[in-house]
C-alpha atoms as a PDB file:
ATOM      1  CA  UNK A   1      -4.324  29.689 -36.182  1.00  0.00           C
ATOM      2  CA  UNK A   2      -1.796  29.280 -38.971  1.00  0.00           C
ATOM      3  CA  UNK A   3       0.871  28.432 -36.339  1.00  0.00           C
ATOM      4  CA  UNK A   4      -1.379  25.822 -34.668  1.00  0.00           C
ATOM      5  CA  UNK A   5      -2.205  24.250 -37.988  1.00  0.00           C
ATOM      6  CA  UNK A   6       1.434  24.062 -38.862  1.00  0.00           C
ATOM      7  CA  UNK A   7       2.307  22.306 -35.631  1.00  0.00           C
ATOM      8  CA  UNK A   8      -0.211  19.525 -36.239  1.00  0.00           C
ATOM      9  CA  UNK A   9       1.319  18.534 -39.555  1.00  0.00           C
ATOM     10  CA  UNK A  10       3.039  15.136 -39.268  1.00  0.00           C
ATOM     11  CA  UNK A  11       6.279  14.636 -41.077  1.00  0.00           C
ATOM     12  CA  UNK A  12       6.276  11.350 -42.931  1.00  0.00           C
ATOM     13  CA  UNK A  13       9.214   9.124 -42.231  1.00  0.00           C
ATOM     14  CA  UNK A  14      11.021   8.238 -45.464  1.00  0.00           C
ATOM     15  CA  UNK A  15      10.504   4.691 -46.675  1.00  0.00           C
ATOM     16  CA  UNK A  16      14.254   4.235 -46.973  1.00  0.00           C
ATOM     17  CA  UNK A  17      14.699   5.144 -43.292  1.00  0.00           C
ATOM     18  CA  UNK A  18      12.055   2.624 -42.167  1.00  0.00           C
ATOM     19  CA  UNK A  19      13.650  -0.088 -44.294  1.00  0.00           C
ATOM     20  CA  UNK A  20      17.057   0.694 -42.787  1.00  0.00           C
ATOM     21  CA  UNK A  21      15.668   0.403 -39.242  1.00  0.00           C
ATOM     22  CA  UNK A  22      14.005  -2.906 -40.124  1.00  0.00           C
ATOM     23  CA  UNK A  23      17.243  -4.258 -41.597  1.00  0.00           C
ATOM     24  CA  UNK A  24      19.216  -3.208 -38.529  1.00  0.00           C
ATOM     25  CA  UNK A  25      16.634  -4.864 -36.253  1.00  0.00           C
ATOM     26  CA  UNK A  26      16.775  -8.117 -38.218  1.00  0.00           C
ATOM     27  CA  UNK A  27      20.583  -8.026 -38.188  1.00  0.00           C
ATOM     28  CA  UNK A  28      20.579  -7.483 -34.413  1.00  0.00           C
ATOM     29  CA  UNK A  29      18.350 -10.476 -33.819  1.00  0.00           C
ATOM     30  CA  UNK A  30      20.486 -12.607 -36.129  1.00  0.00           C
ATOM     31  CA  UNK A  31      23.569 -11.722 -34.081  1.00  0.00           C
ATOM     32  CA  UNK A  32      21.668 -12.656 -30.903  1.00  0.00           C
ATOM     33  CA  UNK A  33      20.326 -15.897 -32.377  1.00  0.00           C
ATOM     34  CA  UNK A  34      23.323 -18.165 -31.521  1.00  0.00           C
ATOM     35  CA  UNK A  35      23.269 -17.055 -27.866  1.00  0.00           C
ATOM     36  CA  UNK A  36      19.484 -17.363 -27.792  1.00  0.00           C
ATOM     37  CA  UNK A  37      19.606 -20.912 -29.160  1.00  0.00           C
ATOM     38  CA  UNK A  38      22.260 -21.831 -26.587  1.00  0.00           C
ATOM     39  CA  UNK A  39      20.203 -20.240 -23.784  1.00  0.00           C
ATOM     40  CA  UNK A  40      17.003 -22.009 -24.819  1.00  0.00           C
ATOM     41  CA  UNK A  41      18.708 -25.373 -25.370  1.00  0.00           C
ATOM     42  CA  UNK A  42      20.974 -25.475 -22.328  1.00  0.00           C
ATOM     43  CA  UNK A  43      19.104 -23.353 -19.750  1.00  0.00           C
ATOM     44  CA  UNK A  44      15.377 -23.048 -20.421  1.00  0.00           C
ATOM     45  CA  UNK A  45      14.796 -26.562 -21.782  1.00  0.00           C
ATOM     46  CA  UNK A  46      16.662 -28.314 -18.911  1.00  0.00           C
ATOM     47  CA  UNK A  47      14.736 -26.200 -16.390  1.00  0.00           C
ATOM     48  CA  UNK A  48      11.398 -27.224 -17.901  1.00  0.00           C
ATOM     49  CA  UNK A  49      12.544 -30.858 -18.134  1.00  0.00           C
ATOM     50  CA  UNK A  50      13.650 -30.763 -14.488  1.00  0.00           C
ATOM     51  CA  UNK A  51      10.225 -29.568 -13.334  1.00  0.00           C
ATOM     52  CA  UNK A  52       8.394 -32.136 -15.482  1.00  0.00           C
ATOM     53  CA  UNK A  53      10.644 -35.033 -14.437  1.00  0.00           C
ATOM     54  CA  UNK A  54      10.185 -34.190 -10.755  1.00  0.00           C
ATOM     55  CA  UNK A  55       6.658 -35.620 -11.036  1.00  0.00           C
ATOM     56  CA  UNK A  56       7.948 -38.980 -12.314  1.00  0.00           C
ATOM     57  CA  UNK A  57       9.786 -41.958 -10.893  1.00  0.00           C
ATOM     58  CA  UNK A  58      12.613 -41.652 -13.377  1.00  0.00           C
ATOM     59  CA  UNK A  59      15.673 -43.896 -13.432  1.00  0.00           C
ATOM     60  CA  UNK A  60      17.905 -45.808 -15.863  1.00  0.00           C
ATOM     61  CA  UNK A  61      16.832 -48.717 -18.083  1.00  0.00           C
ATOM     62  CA  UNK A  62      13.123 -48.220 -17.365  1.00  0.00           C
ATOM     63  CA  UNK A  63      10.317 -46.051 -18.653  1.00  0.00           C
ATOM     64  CA  UNK A  64       9.368 -43.107 -16.463  1.00  0.00           C
ATOM     65  CA  UNK A  65       6.399 -43.691 -14.144  1.00  0.00           C
ATOM     66  CA  UNK A  66       4.175 -40.763 -13.234  1.00  0.00           C
ATOM     67  CA  UNK A  67       3.931 -40.438  -9.438  1.00  0.00           C
ATOM     68  CA  UNK A  68       2.532 -36.917  -9.038  1.00  0.00           C
ATOM     69  CA  UNK A  69       3.667 -35.245  -5.813  1.00  0.00           C
ATOM     70  CA  UNK A  70       5.106 -38.446  -4.306  1.00  0.00           C
ATOM     71  CA  UNK A  71       8.701 -37.245  -4.755  1.00  0.00           C
ATOM     72  CA  UNK A  72       7.946 -34.007  -2.920  1.00  0.00           C
ATOM     73  CA  UNK A  73       6.161 -35.842  -0.114  1.00  0.00           C
ATOM     74  CA  UNK A  74       9.140 -38.169   0.259  1.00  0.00           C
ATOM     75  CA  UNK A  75      11.506 -35.197   0.422  1.00  0.00           C
ATOM     76  CA  UNK A  76      10.070 -33.815   3.625  1.00  0.00           C
ATOM     77  CA  UNK A  77      10.138 -37.247   5.257  1.00  0.00           C
ATOM     78  CA  UNK A  78      13.745 -37.839   4.203  1.00  0.00           C
ATOM     79  CA  UNK A  79      15.997 -37.234   7.214  1.00  0.00           C
ATOM     80  CA  UNK A  80      19.102 -36.931   5.028  1.00  0.00           C
ATOM     81  CA  UNK A  81      17.464 -34.246   2.888  1.00  0.00           C
ATOM     82  CA  UNK A  82      16.266 -32.352   5.946  1.00  0.00           C
ATOM     83  CA  UNK A  83      19.781 -32.557   7.386  1.00  0.00           C
ATOM     84  CA  UNK A  84      21.220 -31.298   4.092  1.00  0.00           C
ATOM     85  CA  UNK A  85      18.672 -28.464   4.108  1.00  0.00           C
ATOM     86  CA  UNK A  86      19.709 -27.538   7.652  1.00  0.00           C
ATOM     87  CA  UNK A  87      23.412 -27.602   6.763  1.00  0.00           C
ATOM     88  CA  UNK A  88      22.779 -25.461   3.688  1.00  0.00           C
ATOM     89  CA  UNK A  89      20.928 -22.841   5.728  1.00  0.00           C
ATOM     90  CA  UNK A  90      23.729 -22.827   8.319  1.00  0.00           C
ATOM     91  CA  UNK A  91      26.248 -22.176   5.544  1.00  0.00           C
ATOM     92  CA  UNK A  92      24.117 -19.351   4.124  1.00  0.00           C
ATOM     93  CA  UNK A  93      23.327 -17.737   7.489  1.00  0.00           C
ATOM     94  CA  UNK A  94      27.000 -17.721   8.514  1.00  0.00           C
ATOM     95  CA  UNK A  95      28.793 -17.063   5.233  1.00  0.00           C
ATOM     96  CA  UNK A  96      26.606 -14.349   3.681  1.00  0.00           C
ATOM     97  CA  UNK A  97      26.697 -11.757   6.520  1.00  0.00           C
ATOM     98  CA  UNK A  98      30.348 -12.472   7.345  1.00  0.00           C
ATOM     99  CA  UNK A  99      31.401 -12.220   3.686  1.00  0.00           C
ATOM    100  CA  UNK A 100      29.566  -8.931   3.166  1.00  0.00           C
ATOM    101  CA  UNK A 101      30.726  -7.364   6.455  1.00  0.00           C
ATOM    102  CA  UNK A 102      34.365  -8.447   6.046  1.00  0.00           C
ATOM    103  CA  UNK A 103      34.443  -7.322   2.408  1.00  0.00           C
ATOM    104  CA  UNK A 104      33.034  -3.916   3.298  1.00  0.00           C
ATOM    105  CA  UNK A 105      35.511  -3.502   6.163  1.00  0.00           C
ATOM    106  CA  UNK A 106      38.508  -4.409   3.991  1.00  0.00           C
ATOM    107  CA  UNK A 107      37.290  -2.206   1.141  1.00  0.00           C
ATOM    108  CA  UNK A 108      36.837   0.777   3.461  1.00  0.00           C
ATOM    109  CA  UNK A 109      40.368   0.259   4.771  1.00  0.00           C
ATOM    110  CA  UNK A 110      42.113   0.008   1.388  1.00  0.00           C
ATOM    111  CA  UNK A 111      40.100   2.390  -0.792  1.00  0.00           C
ATOM    112  CA  UNK A 112      41.969   5.480   0.474  1.00  0.00           C
ATOM    113  CA  UNK A 113      45.432   3.911   0.168  1.00  0.00           C
ATOM    114  CA  UNK A 114      47.750   4.801  -2.716  1.00  0.00           C
ATOM    115  CA  UNK A 115      46.535   3.364  -5.987  1.00  0.00           C
ATOM    116  CA  UNK A 116      49.300   0.742  -6.194  1.00  0.00           C
ATOM    117  CA  UNK A 117      48.514  -0.493  -2.664  1.00  0.00           C
ATOM    118  CA  UNK A 118      44.764  -0.718  -3.371  1.00  0.00           C
ATOM    119  CA  UNK A 119      45.459  -2.679  -6.564  1.00  0.00           C
ATOM    120  CA  UNK A 120      47.809  -5.009  -4.689  1.00  0.00           C
ATOM    121  CA  UNK A 121      45.223  -5.819  -2.004  1.00  0.00           C
ATOM    122  CA  UNK A 122      42.505  -6.345  -4.593  1.00  0.00           C
ATOM    123  CA  UNK A 123      44.783  -8.753  -6.451  1.00  0.00           C
ATOM    124  CA  UNK A 124      45.621 -10.682  -3.273  1.00  0.00           C
ATOM    125  CA  UNK A 125      41.992 -11.076  -2.204  1.00  0.00           C
ATOM    126  CA  UNK A 126      40.782 -11.869  -5.736  1.00  0.00           C
ATOM    127  CA  UNK A 127      43.447 -14.512  -6.374  1.00  0.00           C
ATOM    128  CA  UNK A 128      41.426 -17.425  -4.838  1.00  0.00           C
ATOM    129  CA  UNK A 129      38.511 -16.540  -7.131  1.00  0.00           C
ATOM    130  CA  UNK A 130      40.504 -17.005 -10.338  1.00  0.00           C
ATOM    131  CA  UNK A 131      42.462 -19.980  -8.998  1.00  0.00           C
ATOM    132  CA  UNK A 132      40.942 -23.349  -9.822  1.00  0.00           C
ATOM    133  CA  UNK A 133      38.652 -24.678  -7.103  1.00  0.00           C
ATOM    134  CA  UNK A 134      40.406 -28.059  -7.228  1.00  0.00           C
ATOM    135  CA  UNK A 135      43.817 -26.489  -6.586  1.00  0.00           C
ATOM    136  CA  UNK A 136      42.479 -24.381  -3.699  1.00  0.00           C
ATOM    137  CA  UNK A 137      40.736 -27.401  -2.196  1.00  0.00           C
ATOM    138  CA  UNK A 138      43.883 -29.543  -2.386  1.00  0.00           C
ATOM    139  CA  UNK A 139      45.820 -26.884  -0.461  1.00  0.00           C
ATOM    140  CA  UNK A 140      43.137 -26.672   2.233  1.00  0.00           C
ATOM    141  CA  UNK A 141      42.951 -30.458   2.439  1.00  0.00           C
ATOM    142  CA  UNK A 142      46.674 -30.512   3.205  1.00  0.00           C
ATOM    143  CA  UNK A 143      46.229 -27.793   5.843  1.00  0.00           C
ATOM    144  CA  UNK A 144      43.457 -29.817   7.514  1.00  0.00           C
ATOM    145  CA  UNK A 145      45.361 -33.101   7.413  1.00  0.00           C
ATOM    146  CA  UNK A 146      45.143 -34.798  10.807  1.00  0.00           C
ATOM    147  CA  UNK A 147      48.774 -36.042  10.689  1.00  0.00           C
ATOM    148  CA  UNK A 148      50.909 -33.308   9.130  1.00  0.00           C
ATOM    149  CA  UNK A 149      48.469 -30.434   8.547  1.00  0.00           C
ATOM    150  CA  UNK A 150      49.461 -26.901   9.467  1.00  0.00           C
ATOM    151  CA  UNK A 151      46.428 -26.360  11.718  1.00  0.00           C
ATOM    152  CA  UNK A 152      47.371 -29.271  13.964  1.00  0.00           C
ATOM    153  CA  UNK A 153      51.017 -28.192  13.919  1.00  0.00           C
ATOM    154  CA  UNK A 154      50.225 -24.603  14.955  1.00  0.00           C
ATOM    155  CA  UNK A 155      47.622 -25.723  17.486  1.00  0.00           C
ATOM    156  CA  UNK A 156      50.072 -28.028  19.259  1.00  0.00           C
ATOM    157  CA  UNK A 157      52.925 -25.518  19.003  1.00  0.00           C
ATOM    158  CA  UNK A 158      50.833 -22.793  20.628  1.00  0.00           C
ATOM    159  CA  UNK A 159      49.395 -25.137  23.229  1.00  0.00           C
ATOM    160  CA  UNK A 160      45.829 -24.745  21.950  1.00  0.00           C
ATOM    161  CA  UNK A 161      45.317 -28.487  21.437  1.00  0.00           C
ATOM    162  CA  UNK A 162      46.865 -31.536  23.113  1.00  0.00           C
ATOM    163  CA  UNK A 163      46.639 -33.966  20.206  1.00  0.00           C
ATOM    164  CA  UNK A 164      45.968 -33.939  16.499  1.00  0.00           C
ATOM    165  CA  UNK A 165      42.371 -33.319  15.410  1.00  0.00           C
ATOM    166  CA  UNK A 166      40.785 -34.987  12.413  1.00  0.00           C
ATOM    167  CA  UNK A 167      39.209 -31.736  11.228  1.00  0.00           C
ATOM    168  CA  UNK A 168      37.322 -33.140   8.243  1.00  0.00           C
ATOM    169  CA  UNK A 169      36.535 -36.479   9.875  1.00  0.00           C
ATOM    170  CA  UNK A 170      34.934 -35.138  13.044  1.00  0.00           C
ATOM    171  CA  UNK A 171      31.265 -34.142  12.977  1.00  0.00           C
ATOM    172  CA  UNK A 172      31.969 -31.277  15.385  1.00  0.00           C
ATOM    173  CA  UNK A 173      34.409 -29.512  13.069  1.00  0.00           C
ATOM    174  CA  UNK A 174      33.759 -30.676   9.490  1.00  0.00           C
ATOM    175  CA  UNK A 175      31.002 -28.196   8.568  1.00  0.00           C
ATOM    176  CA  UNK A 176      32.883 -25.307  10.181  1.00  0.00           C
ATOM    177  CA  UNK A 177      35.962 -26.181   8.127  1.00  0.00           C
ATOM    178  CA  UNK A 178      33.873 -26.090   4.944  1.00  0.00           C
ATOM    179  CA  UNK A 179      32.448 -22.674   5.889  1.00  0.00           C
ATOM    180  CA  UNK A 180      35.943 -21.304   6.564  1.00  0.00           C
ATOM    181  CA  UNK A 181      37.118 -22.311   3.085  1.00  0.00           C
ATOM    182  CA  UNK A 182      33.969 -20.873   1.530  1.00  0.00           C
ATOM    183  CA  UNK A 183      34.569 -17.544   3.285  1.00  0.00           C
ATOM    184  CA  UNK A 184      38.160 -17.250   2.053  1.00  0.00           C
ATOM    185  CA  UNK A 185      37.141 -17.958  -1.543  1.00  0.00           C
ATOM    186  CA  UNK A 186      34.053 -15.717  -1.524  1.00  0.00           C
ATOM    187  CA  UNK A 187      35.391 -12.325  -0.430  1.00  0.00           C
ATOM    188  CA  UNK A 188      37.387 -11.519  -3.583  1.00  0.00           C
ATOM    189  CA  UNK A 189      34.558 -10.334  -5.828  1.00  0.00           C
ATOM    190  CA  UNK A 190      32.713  -8.349  -3.110  1.00  0.00           C
ATOM    191  CA  UNK A 191      35.932  -6.521  -2.185  1.00  0.00           C
ATOM    192  CA  UNK A 192      36.542  -5.511  -5.803  1.00  0.00           C
ATOM    193  CA  UNK A 193      32.935  -4.323  -6.157  1.00  0.00           C
ATOM    194  CA  UNK A 194      32.941  -2.417  -2.861  1.00  0.00           C
ATOM    195  CA  UNK A 195      36.245  -0.668  -3.652  1.00  0.00           C
ATOM    196  CA  UNK A 196      34.767   0.474  -6.965  1.00  0.00           C
ATOM    197  CA  UNK A 197      31.511   1.608  -5.330  1.00  0.00           C
ATOM    198  CA  UNK A 198      33.263   3.501  -2.520  1.00  0.00           C
ATOM    199  CA  UNK A 199      35.563   5.148  -5.039  1.00  0.00           C
ATOM    200  CA  UNK A 200      32.539   6.529  -6.902  1.00  0.00           C
ATOM    201  CA  UNK A 201      31.051   8.237  -3.823  1.00  0.00           C
ATOM    202  CA  UNK A 202      30.998  12.021  -4.270  1.00  0.00           C
ATOM    203  CA  UNK A 203      33.926  13.176  -2.117  1.00  0.00           C
ATOM    204  CA  UNK A 204      32.742  16.783  -2.067  1.00  0.00           C
ATOM    205  CA  UNK A 205      29.717  15.740   0.020  1.00  0.00           C
ATOM    206  CA  UNK A 206      31.963  13.776   2.391  1.00  0.00           C
ATOM    207  CA  UNK A 207      34.340  16.723   2.760  1.00  0.00           C
ATOM    208  CA  UNK A 208      31.444  19.103   3.406  1.00  0.00           C
ATOM    209  CA  UNK A 209      30.136  16.797   6.137  1.00  0.00           C
ATOM    210  CA  UNK A 210      33.582  16.598   7.725  1.00  0.00           C
ATOM    211  CA  UNK A 211      33.818  20.388   7.736  1.00  0.00           C
ATOM    212  CA  UNK A 212      30.473  20.475   9.532  1.00  0.00           C
ATOM    213  CA  UNK A 213      31.919  18.204  12.232  1.00  0.00           C
ATOM    214  CA  UNK A 214      30.654  14.778  11.124  1.00  0.00           C
ATOM    215  CA  UNK A 215      32.677  11.810  12.359  1.00  0.00           C
ATOM    216  CA  UNK A 216      34.018   9.064  10.092  1.00  0.00           C
ATOM    217  CA  UNK A 217      31.189   6.763  11.165  1.00  0.00           C
ATOM    218  CA  UNK A 218      28.556   9.424  10.483  1.00  0.00           C
ATOM    219  CA  UNK A 219      30.032  10.107   7.046  1.00  0.00           C
ATOM    220  CA  UNK A 220      29.948   6.411   6.282  1.00  0.00           C
ATOM    221  CA  UNK A 221      26.441   5.746   7.613  1.00  0.00           C
ATOM    222  CA  UNK A 222      24.743   8.861   6.244  1.00  0.00           C
ATOM    223  CA  UNK A 223      26.580   9.337   2.940  1.00  0.00           C
ATOM    224  CA  UNK A 224      28.584   6.319   1.803  1.00  0.00           C
ATOM    225  CA  UNK A 225      26.231   3.540   2.922  1.00  0.00           C
ATOM    226  CA  UNK A 226      23.169   4.825   0.982  1.00  0.00           C
ATOM    227  CA  UNK A 227      25.386   5.352  -2.076  1.00  0.00           C
ATOM    228  CA  UNK A 228      26.635   1.743  -2.092  1.00  0.00           C
ATOM    229  CA  UNK A 229      23.275   0.109  -1.321  1.00  0.00           C
ATOM    230  CA  UNK A 230      22.757  -1.131  -4.929  1.00  0.00           C
ATOM    231  CA  UNK A 231      26.193  -2.781  -4.800  1.00  0.00           C
ATOM    232  CA  UNK A 232      25.386  -4.282  -1.394  1.00  0.00           C
ATOM    233  CA  UNK A 233      22.111  -5.692  -2.711  1.00  0.00           C
ATOM    234  CA  UNK A 234      23.880  -7.299  -5.670  1.00  0.00           C
ATOM    235  CA  UNK A 235      26.559  -8.800  -3.403  1.00  0.00           C
ATOM    236  CA  UNK A 236      23.935 -10.162  -0.993  1.00  0.00           C
ATOM    237  CA  UNK A 237      21.969 -11.861  -3.771  1.00  0.00           C
ATOM    238  CA  UNK A 238      25.018 -13.333  -5.529  1.00  0.00           C
ATOM    239  CA  UNK A 239      26.641 -14.505  -2.269  1.00  0.00           C
ATOM    240  CA  UNK A 240      23.372 -16.113  -1.148  1.00  0.00           C
ATOM    241  CA  UNK A 241      23.000 -18.007  -4.428  1.00  0.00           C
ATOM    242  CA  UNK A 242      26.641 -19.154  -4.362  1.00  0.00           C
ATOM    243  CA  UNK A 243      26.287 -20.341  -0.762  1.00  0.00           C
ATOM    244  CA  UNK A 244      23.177 -22.359  -1.597  1.00  0.00           C
ATOM    245  CA  UNK A 245      25.059 -23.941  -4.501  1.00  0.00           C
ATOM    246  CA  UNK A 246      28.034 -25.086  -2.426  1.00  0.00           C
ATOM    247  CA  UNK A 247      29.071 -28.379  -3.996  1.00  0.00           C
ATOM    248  CA  UNK A 248      32.708 -28.606  -5.110  1.00  0.00           C
ATOM    249  CA  UNK A 249      34.131 -28.271  -1.596  1.00  0.00           C
ATOM    250  CA  UNK A 250      31.854 -31.015  -0.288  1.00  0.00           C
ATOM    251  CA  UNK A 251      32.583 -33.334  -3.199  1.00  0.00           C
ATOM    252  CA  UNK A 252      36.360 -32.917  -3.003  1.00  0.00           C
ATOM    253  CA  UNK A 253      36.811 -32.862   0.786  1.00  0.00           C
ATOM    254  CA  UNK A 254      34.163 -34.866   2.642  1.00  0.00           C
ATOM    255  CA  UNK A 255      31.637 -36.382   0.183  1.00  0.00           C
ATOM    256  CA  UNK A 256      28.948 -35.379   2.660  1.00  0.00           C
ATOM    257  CA  UNK A 257      30.569 -37.132   5.623  1.00  0.00           C
ATOM    258  CA  UNK A 258      31.177 -37.880   8.321  1.00  0.00           C
ATOM    259  CA  UNK A 259      27.719 -39.339   8.895  1.00  0.00           C
ATOM    260  CA  UNK A 260      26.077 -36.814   6.499  1.00  0.00           C
ATOM    261  CA  UNK A 261      27.218 -33.912   8.708  1.00  0.00           C
ATOM    262  CA  UNK A 262      28.411 -31.890   5.688  1.00  0.00           C
ATOM    263  CA  UNK A 263      25.675 -32.816   3.230  1.00  0.00           C
ATOM    264  CA  UNK A 264      24.239 -29.848   1.335  1.00  0.00           C
ATOM    265  CA  UNK A 265      21.234 -29.788  -0.971  1.00  0.00           C
ATOM    266  CA  UNK A 266      23.461 -29.492  -4.053  1.00  0.00           C
ATOM    267  CA  UNK A 267      25.615 -32.439  -3.029  1.00  0.00           C
ATOM    268  CA  UNK A 268      22.579 -34.568  -2.112  1.00  0.00           C
ATOM    269  CA  UNK A 269      21.052 -33.783  -5.515  1.00  0.00           C
ATOM    270  CA  UNK A 270      24.257 -34.992  -7.176  1.00  0.00           C
ATOM    271  CA  UNK A 271      24.408 -38.104  -4.978  1.00  0.00           C
ATOM    272  CA  UNK A 272      20.764 -39.001  -5.588  1.00  0.00           C
ATOM    273  CA  UNK A 273      20.795 -38.409  -9.343  1.00  0.00           C
ATOM    274  CA  UNK A 274      24.244 -39.706 -10.311  1.00  0.00           C
ATOM    275  CA  UNK A 275      24.963 -42.293  -7.630  1.00  0.00           C
ATOM    276  CA  UNK A 276      21.495 -43.697  -6.937  1.00  0.00           C
ATOM    277  CA  UNK A 277      20.151 -42.885 -10.439  1.00  0.00           C
ATOM    278  CA  UNK A 278      16.917 -41.477  -9.018  1.00  0.00           C
ATOM    279  CA  UNK A 279      16.573 -38.601 -11.480  1.00  0.00           C
ATOM    280  CA  UNK A 280      12.994 -37.699 -10.628  1.00  0.00           C
ATOM    281  CA  UNK A 281      13.717 -37.489  -6.907  1.00  0.00           C
ATOM    282  CA  UNK A 282      16.866 -35.451  -7.535  1.00  0.00           C
ATOM    283  CA  UNK A 283      14.954 -33.058  -9.800  1.00  0.00           C
ATOM    284  CA  UNK A 284      12.347 -32.572  -7.085  1.00  0.00           C
ATOM    285  CA  UNK A 285      15.160 -31.408  -4.779  1.00  0.00           C
ATOM    286  CA  UNK A 286      16.368 -29.059  -7.513  1.00  0.00           C
ATOM    287  CA  UNK A 287      12.905 -27.512  -7.825  1.00  0.00           C
ATOM    288  CA  UNK A 288      12.695 -26.998  -4.065  1.00  0.00           C
ATOM    289  CA  UNK A 289      16.148 -25.407  -4.034  1.00  0.00           C
ATOM    290  CA  UNK A 290      15.229 -23.083  -6.918  1.00  0.00           C
ATOM    291  CA  UNK A 291      12.050 -21.997  -5.100  1.00  0.00           C
ATOM    292  CA  UNK A 292      13.975 -21.275  -1.888  1.00  0.00           C
ATOM    293  CA  UNK A 293      16.593 -19.202  -3.739  1.00  0.00           C
ATOM    294  CA  UNK A 294      13.899 -17.307  -5.666  1.00  0.00           C
ATOM    295  CA  UNK A 295      11.986 -16.458  -2.466  1.00  0.00           C
ATOM    296  CA  UNK A 296      15.093 -15.269  -0.614  1.00  0.00           C
ATOM    297  CA  UNK A 297      16.259 -13.229  -3.618  1.00  0.00           C
ATOM    298  CA  UNK A 298      12.833 -11.596  -3.932  1.00  0.00           C
ATOM    299  CA  UNK A 299      12.897 -10.700  -0.220  1.00  0.00           C
ATOM    300  CA  UNK A 300      16.383  -9.208  -0.563  1.00  0.00           C
ATOM    301  CA  UNK A 301      15.328  -7.132  -3.575  1.00  0.00           C
ATOM    302  CA  UNK A 302      12.187  -5.980  -1.727  1.00  0.00           C
ATOM    303  CA  UNK A 303      14.119  -4.892   1.361  1.00  0.00           C
ATOM    304  CA  UNK A 304      16.868  -3.314  -0.748  1.00  0.00           C
ATOM    305  CA  UNK A 305      14.413  -1.282  -2.831  1.00  0.00           C
ATOM    306  CA  UNK A 306      12.628  -0.064   0.300  1.00  0.00           C
ATOM    307  CA  UNK A 307      15.925   1.149   1.755  1.00  0.00           C
ATOM    308  CA  UNK A 308      16.684   2.987  -1.460  1.00  0.00           C
END
């Protein structure tokens, strides 16, 4: 009984200790305050303003006029927007699986190389990521040039084409050219992440499976793949978001042409808001794009968590 009574006695926390914790908490929030103000002012407030403005006919030199859901109704009757939506989904459907699969294949091939070789390959593949998008685009624009571009030169030299092709000016090839550039500039980060994830797989389990007669594919599918699933989920979500937000390539190479064949939602938002000055209509597109990205990301997280 004496022991039980002793265990129920609560030790009072010293007042000085509580004051110290309170001071540390206040100091922590004060350090976070500048970032919080920036986040609220430049992220949260514009998001709220975007949603609110999407219900107005908003333009320059005139007061906003409330139109309710008229902007959203117009969206789904707008053939250019629907074409941009289609092009955006084509970019996502092609680029996301190819980027993830190619990155995983390259990472699996280089992770077991000597450390200097692995670092070299990571540097080579990551270089387009840290290089300015304008510089990369200028190089690709030269390669696609229909008079002296390297693609036309190699195609004619190898007998693959009879005459020069206007790669960026032909509706049949323009979107594919954009996707090719996007792929080459998107694999750097996934390769770095996959190399790190594969390097953290417990090698003792892999070696034990190999001793038991497991093939390389079985070791990968049964041991390595489940271990890198969180990394794969992150790469899928980030690559999907980046693909939906494809803008710089379109702006610098085709401006949505020819005949709107390379329009994406992001570029059409820019064109509508900053060329036509229809801010409310452009914000309505932004809201739709945000909803699409949120739904796809939620589905990816759901599927990824089930597989884990």
